[in-house]
Amino acid sequence: MSIDTPAPHHGNPTGHDHLEPHGSMKGYLTGFILSVILTAVPFWLVMDHVITSPGWTTATILFLAAVQIFVHMVYFLHMNTRSEGGWSMLALIFTLVMVIITLSGSIWVMYHLNANMMPMTPAMAESAP
């Protein structure tokens, strides 16, 4: 077989040798409705001050964001442990590790910059050389 000869498709005219599940209208509508709800609830929590503690409000919003990420992966990206022989799940895990390292490192750097490089007050500016 030369480089220009296409690979045989083993009887499958579409060229897809795998039988991965693709989305249905019901699945897409379910994902869309869940996404709308998971977007509206945090908006409502913030706008109506439903939870008085800012820390709990933030934690609730972050939890709902994680649930929405999961909804998008399942209903729109069709990710599961069986798709592509598990390689898509391995890629997801690698991506999550990189995102956690990047976000936690960025927050750590910003916190320390804020703590160690505060602007000078007028009294401090007068006493500076």
C-alpha atoms as a PDB file:
ATOM      1  CA  MET A   1       0.000   0.000   0.000  1.00  0.00           C
ATOM      2  CA  SER A   2       1.458   3.350  -1.001  1.00  0.00           C
ATOM      3  CA  ILE A   3       1.153   6.628   0.853  1.00  0.00           C
ATOM      4  CA  ASP A   4      -1.517   7.892  -1.554  1.00  0.00           C
ATOM      5  CA  THR A   5      -3.755   4.829  -1.162  1.00  0.00           C
ATOM      6  CA  PRO A   6      -6.466   5.320   1.442  1.00  0.00           C
ATOM      7  CA  ALA A   7      -6.717   2.768   4.205  1.00  0.00           C
ATOM      8  CA  PRO A   8      -9.539   0.241   3.862  1.00  0.00           C
ATOM      9  CA  HIS A   9     -12.592   0.868   6.008  1.00  0.00           C
ATOM     10  CA  HIS A  10     -13.433  -2.775   6.597  1.00  0.00           C
ATOM     11  CA  GLY A  11     -16.927  -2.507   5.161  1.00  0.00           C
ATOM     12  CA  ASN A  12     -17.878   0.711   6.935  1.00  0.00           C
ATOM     13  CA  PRO A  13     -18.623   3.343   4.258  1.00  0.00           C
ATOM     14  CA  THR A  14     -18.359   6.281   6.701  1.00  0.00           C
ATOM     15  CA  GLY A  15     -14.758   5.535   7.556  1.00  0.00           C
ATOM     16  CA  HIS A  16     -15.534   5.315  11.267  1.00  0.00           C
ATOM     17  CA  ASP A  17     -14.408   1.980  12.619  1.00  0.00           C
ATOM     18  CA  HIS A  18     -15.694   2.689  16.112  1.00  0.00           C
ATOM     19  CA  LEU A  19     -19.259   2.600  17.273  1.00  0.00           C
ATOM     20  CA  GLU A  20     -19.235   5.468  19.759  1.00  0.00           C
ATOM     21  CA  PRO A  21     -22.582   6.698  20.994  1.00  0.00           C
ATOM     22  CA  HIS A  22     -23.551  10.044  19.562  1.00  0.00           C
ATOM     23  CA  GLY A  23     -26.017  12.481  21.026  1.00  0.00           C
ATOM     24  CA  SER A  24     -29.744  12.415  20.533  1.00  0.00           C
ATOM     25  CA  MET A  25     -32.155  15.318  20.577  1.00  0.00           C
ATOM     26  CA  LYS A  26     -33.360  14.207  24.022  1.00  0.00           C
ATOM     27  CA  GLY A  27     -29.784  14.145  25.342  1.00  0.00           C
ATOM     28  CA  TYR A  28     -28.974  17.572  23.934  1.00  0.00           C
ATOM     29  CA  LEU A  29     -32.198  19.066  25.333  1.00  0.00           C
ATOM     30  CA  THR A  30     -31.517  17.525  28.743  1.00  0.00           C
ATOM     31  CA  GLY A  31     -28.003  18.946  28.730  1.00  0.00           C
ATOM     32  CA  PHE A  32     -29.252  22.357  27.599  1.00  0.00           C
ATOM     33  CA  ILE A  33     -31.957  22.531  30.278  1.00  0.00           C
ATOM     34  CA  LEU A  34     -29.518  21.464  32.991  1.00  0.00           C
ATOM     35  CA  SER A  35     -27.009  24.060  31.763  1.00  0.00           C
ATOM     36  CA  VAL A  36     -29.606  26.824  31.857  1.00  0.00           C
ATOM     37  CA  ILE A  37     -30.644  25.840  35.391  1.00  0.00           C
ATOM     38  CA  LEU A  38     -27.015  25.600  36.538  1.00  0.00           C
ATOM     39  CA  THR A  39     -26.412  29.090  35.131  1.00  0.00           C
ATOM     40  CA  ALA A  40     -29.590  30.692  36.491  1.00  0.00           C
ATOM     41  CA  VAL A  41     -29.262  29.392  40.048  1.00  0.00           C
ATOM     42  CA  PRO A  42     -25.889  31.081  40.797  1.00  0.00           C
ATOM     43  CA  PHE A  43     -27.174  34.290  39.202  1.00  0.00           C
ATOM     44  CA  TRP A  44     -30.231  34.154  41.464  1.00  0.00           C
ATOM     45  CA  LEU A  45     -28.066  33.392  44.525  1.00  0.00           C
ATOM     46  CA  VAL A  46     -25.944  36.482  43.940  1.00  0.00           C
ATOM     47  CA  MET A  47     -28.626  38.915  42.803  1.00  0.00           C
ATOM     48  CA  ASP A  48     -31.115  38.157  45.598  1.00  0.00           C
ATOM     49  CA  HIS A  49     -28.494  37.571  48.345  1.00  0.00           C
ATOM     50  CA  VAL A  50     -30.115  34.241  49.192  1.00  0.00           C
ATOM     51  CA  ILE A  51     -27.095  33.091  51.200  1.00  0.00           C
ATOM     52  CA  THR A  52     -25.845  35.816  53.521  1.00  0.00           C
ATOM     53  CA  SER A  53     -22.301  34.506  53.831  1.00  0.00           C
ATOM     54  CA  PRO A  54     -20.067  35.409  50.871  1.00  0.00           C
ATOM     55  CA  GLY A  55     -17.930  32.330  51.543  1.00  0.00           C
ATOM     56  CA  TRP A  56     -20.882  29.950  51.336  1.00  0.00           C
ATOM     57  CA  THR A  57     -22.187  31.725  48.257  1.00  0.00           C
ATOM     58  CA  THR A  58     -18.804  31.317  46.570  1.00  0.00           C
ATOM     59  CA  ALA A  59     -18.585  27.654  47.570  1.00  0.00           C
ATOM     60  CA  THR A  60     -22.088  27.008  46.235  1.00  0.00           C
ATOM     61  CA  ILE A  61     -21.317  28.737  42.939  1.00  0.00           C
ATOM     62  CA  LEU A  62     -18.069  26.766  42.552  1.00  0.00           C
ATOM     63  CA  PHE A  63     -19.912  23.517  43.262  1.00  0.00           C
ATOM     64  CA  LEU A  64     -22.586  24.336  40.677  1.00  0.00           C
ATOM     65  CA  ALA A  65     -19.841  25.268  38.188  1.00  0.00           C
ATOM     66  CA  ALA A  66     -18.222  21.855  38.686  1.00  0.00           C
ATOM     67  CA  VAL A  67     -21.599  20.169  38.158  1.00  0.00           C
ATOM     68  CA  GLN A  68     -22.090  22.202  34.975  1.00  0.00           C
ATOM     69  CA  ILE A  69     -18.669  21.123  33.679  1.00  0.00           C
ATOM     70  CA  PHE A  70     -19.695  17.518  34.285  1.00  0.00           C
ATOM     71  CA  VAL A  71     -23.024  18.084  32.467  1.00  0.00           C
ATOM     72  CA  HIS A  72     -21.204  19.556  29.464  1.00  0.00           C
ATOM     73  CA  MET A  73     -18.741  16.668  29.327  1.00  0.00           C
ATOM     74  CA  VAL A  74     -21.430  14.012  29.493  1.00  0.00           C
ATOM     75  CA  TYR A  75     -24.200  15.523  27.369  1.00  0.00           C
ATOM     76  CA  PHE A  76     -22.265  17.572  24.801  1.00  0.00           C
ATOM     77  CA  LEU A  77     -18.775  16.029  24.612  1.00  0.00           C
ATOM     78  CA  HIS A  78     -20.088  12.465  25.139  1.00  0.00           C
ATOM     79  CA  MET A  79     -17.199  11.594  27.443  1.00  0.00           C
ATOM     80  CA  ASN A  80     -17.290   8.387  29.391  1.00  0.00           C
ATOM     81  CA  THR A  81     -14.810   5.741  30.498  1.00  0.00           C
ATOM     82  CA  ARG A  82     -15.432   3.606  27.389  1.00  0.00           C
ATOM     83  CA  SER A  83     -15.006   6.189  24.632  1.00  0.00           C
ATOM     84  CA  GLU A  84     -11.797   5.933  22.617  1.00  0.00           C
ATOM     85  CA  GLY A  85     -10.497   3.114  24.765  1.00  0.00           C
ATOM     86  CA  GLY A  86     -10.227   5.332  27.850  1.00  0.00           C
ATOM     87  CA  TRP A  87      -7.863   7.821  26.207  1.00  0.00           C
ATOM     88  CA  SER A  88     -10.353  10.671  26.407  1.00  0.00           C
ATOM     89  CA  MET A  89     -10.683  10.100  30.160  1.00  0.00           C
ATOM     90  CA  LEU A  90      -6.891  10.094  30.509  1.00  0.00           C
ATOM     91  CA  ALA A  91      -6.731  13.362  28.575  1.00  0.00           C
ATOM     92  CA  LEU A  92      -9.430  14.799  30.858  1.00  0.00           C
ATOM     93  CA  ILE A  93      -7.514  13.805  33.986  1.00  0.00           C
ATOM     94  CA  PHE A  94      -4.316  15.366  32.608  1.00  0.00           C
ATOM     95  CA  THR A  95      -6.203  18.550  31.746  1.00  0.00           C
ATOM     96  CA  LEU A  96      -7.743  18.742  35.220  1.00  0.00           C
ATOM     97  CA  VAL A  97      -4.331  18.315  36.853  1.00  0.00           C
ATOM     98  CA  MET A  98      -2.886  21.098  34.683  1.00  0.00           C
ATOM     99  CA  VAL A  99      -5.822  23.417  35.403  1.00  0.00           C
ATOM    100  CA  ILE A 100      -5.570  22.806  39.157  1.00  0.00           C
ATOM    101  CA  ILE A 101      -1.811  23.451  39.138  1.00  0.00           C
ATOM    102  CA  THR A 102      -2.243  26.620  37.062  1.00  0.00           C
ATOM    103  CA  LEU A 103      -5.124  28.028  39.090  1.00  0.00           C
ATOM    104  CA  SER A 104      -3.677  27.212  42.495  1.00  0.00           C
ATOM    105  CA  GLY A 105      -0.279  28.585  41.456  1.00  0.00           C
ATOM    106  CA  SER A 106      -1.846  31.776  40.127  1.00  0.00           C
ATOM    107  CA  ILE A 107      -3.899  32.291  43.281  1.00  0.00           C
ATOM    108  CA  TRP A 108      -0.820  31.619  45.428  1.00  0.00           C
ATOM    109  CA  VAL A 109       1.268  34.150  43.493  1.00  0.00           C
ATOM    110  CA  MET A 110      -1.482  36.801  43.563  1.00  0.00           C
ATOM    111  CA  TYR A 111      -2.013  36.315  47.298  1.00  0.00           C
ATOM    112  CA  HIS A 112       1.679  36.737  48.060  1.00  0.00           C
ATOM    113  CA  LEU A 113       2.005  39.714  45.743  1.00  0.00           C
ATOM    114  CA  ASN A 114      -0.928  41.334  47.516  1.00  0.00           C
ATOM    115  CA  ALA A 115       0.504  40.582  50.963  1.00  0.00           C
ATOM    116  CA  ASN A 116       4.093  41.589  50.193  1.00  0.00           C
ATOM    117  CA  MET A 117       3.626  44.539  47.855  1.00  0.00           C
ATOM    118  CA  MET A 118       0.918  46.630  49.454  1.00  0.00           C
ATOM    119  CA  PRO A 119       0.841  50.275  48.368  1.00  0.00           C
ATOM    120  CA  MET A 120       2.319  52.756  50.766  1.00  0.00           C
ATOM    121  CA  THR A 121       0.074  54.881  52.944  1.00  0.00           C
ATOM    122  CA  PRO A 122       0.629  58.664  52.962  1.00  0.00           C
ATOM    123  CA  ALA A 123       2.419  58.381  56.340  1.00  0.00           C
ATOM    124  CA  MET A 124       4.776  55.737  54.950  1.00  0.00           C
ATOM    125  CA  ALA A 125       5.455  57.847  51.863  1.00  0.00           C
ATOM    126  CA  GLU A 126       6.532  60.832  54.008  1.00  0.00           C
ATOM    127  CA  SER A 127       9.013  58.752  55.981  1.00  0.00           C
ATOM    128  CA  ALA A 128      10.474  57.044  52.873  1.00  0.00           C
ATOM    129  CA  PRO A 129      13.926  58.308  51.806  1.00  0.00           C
END
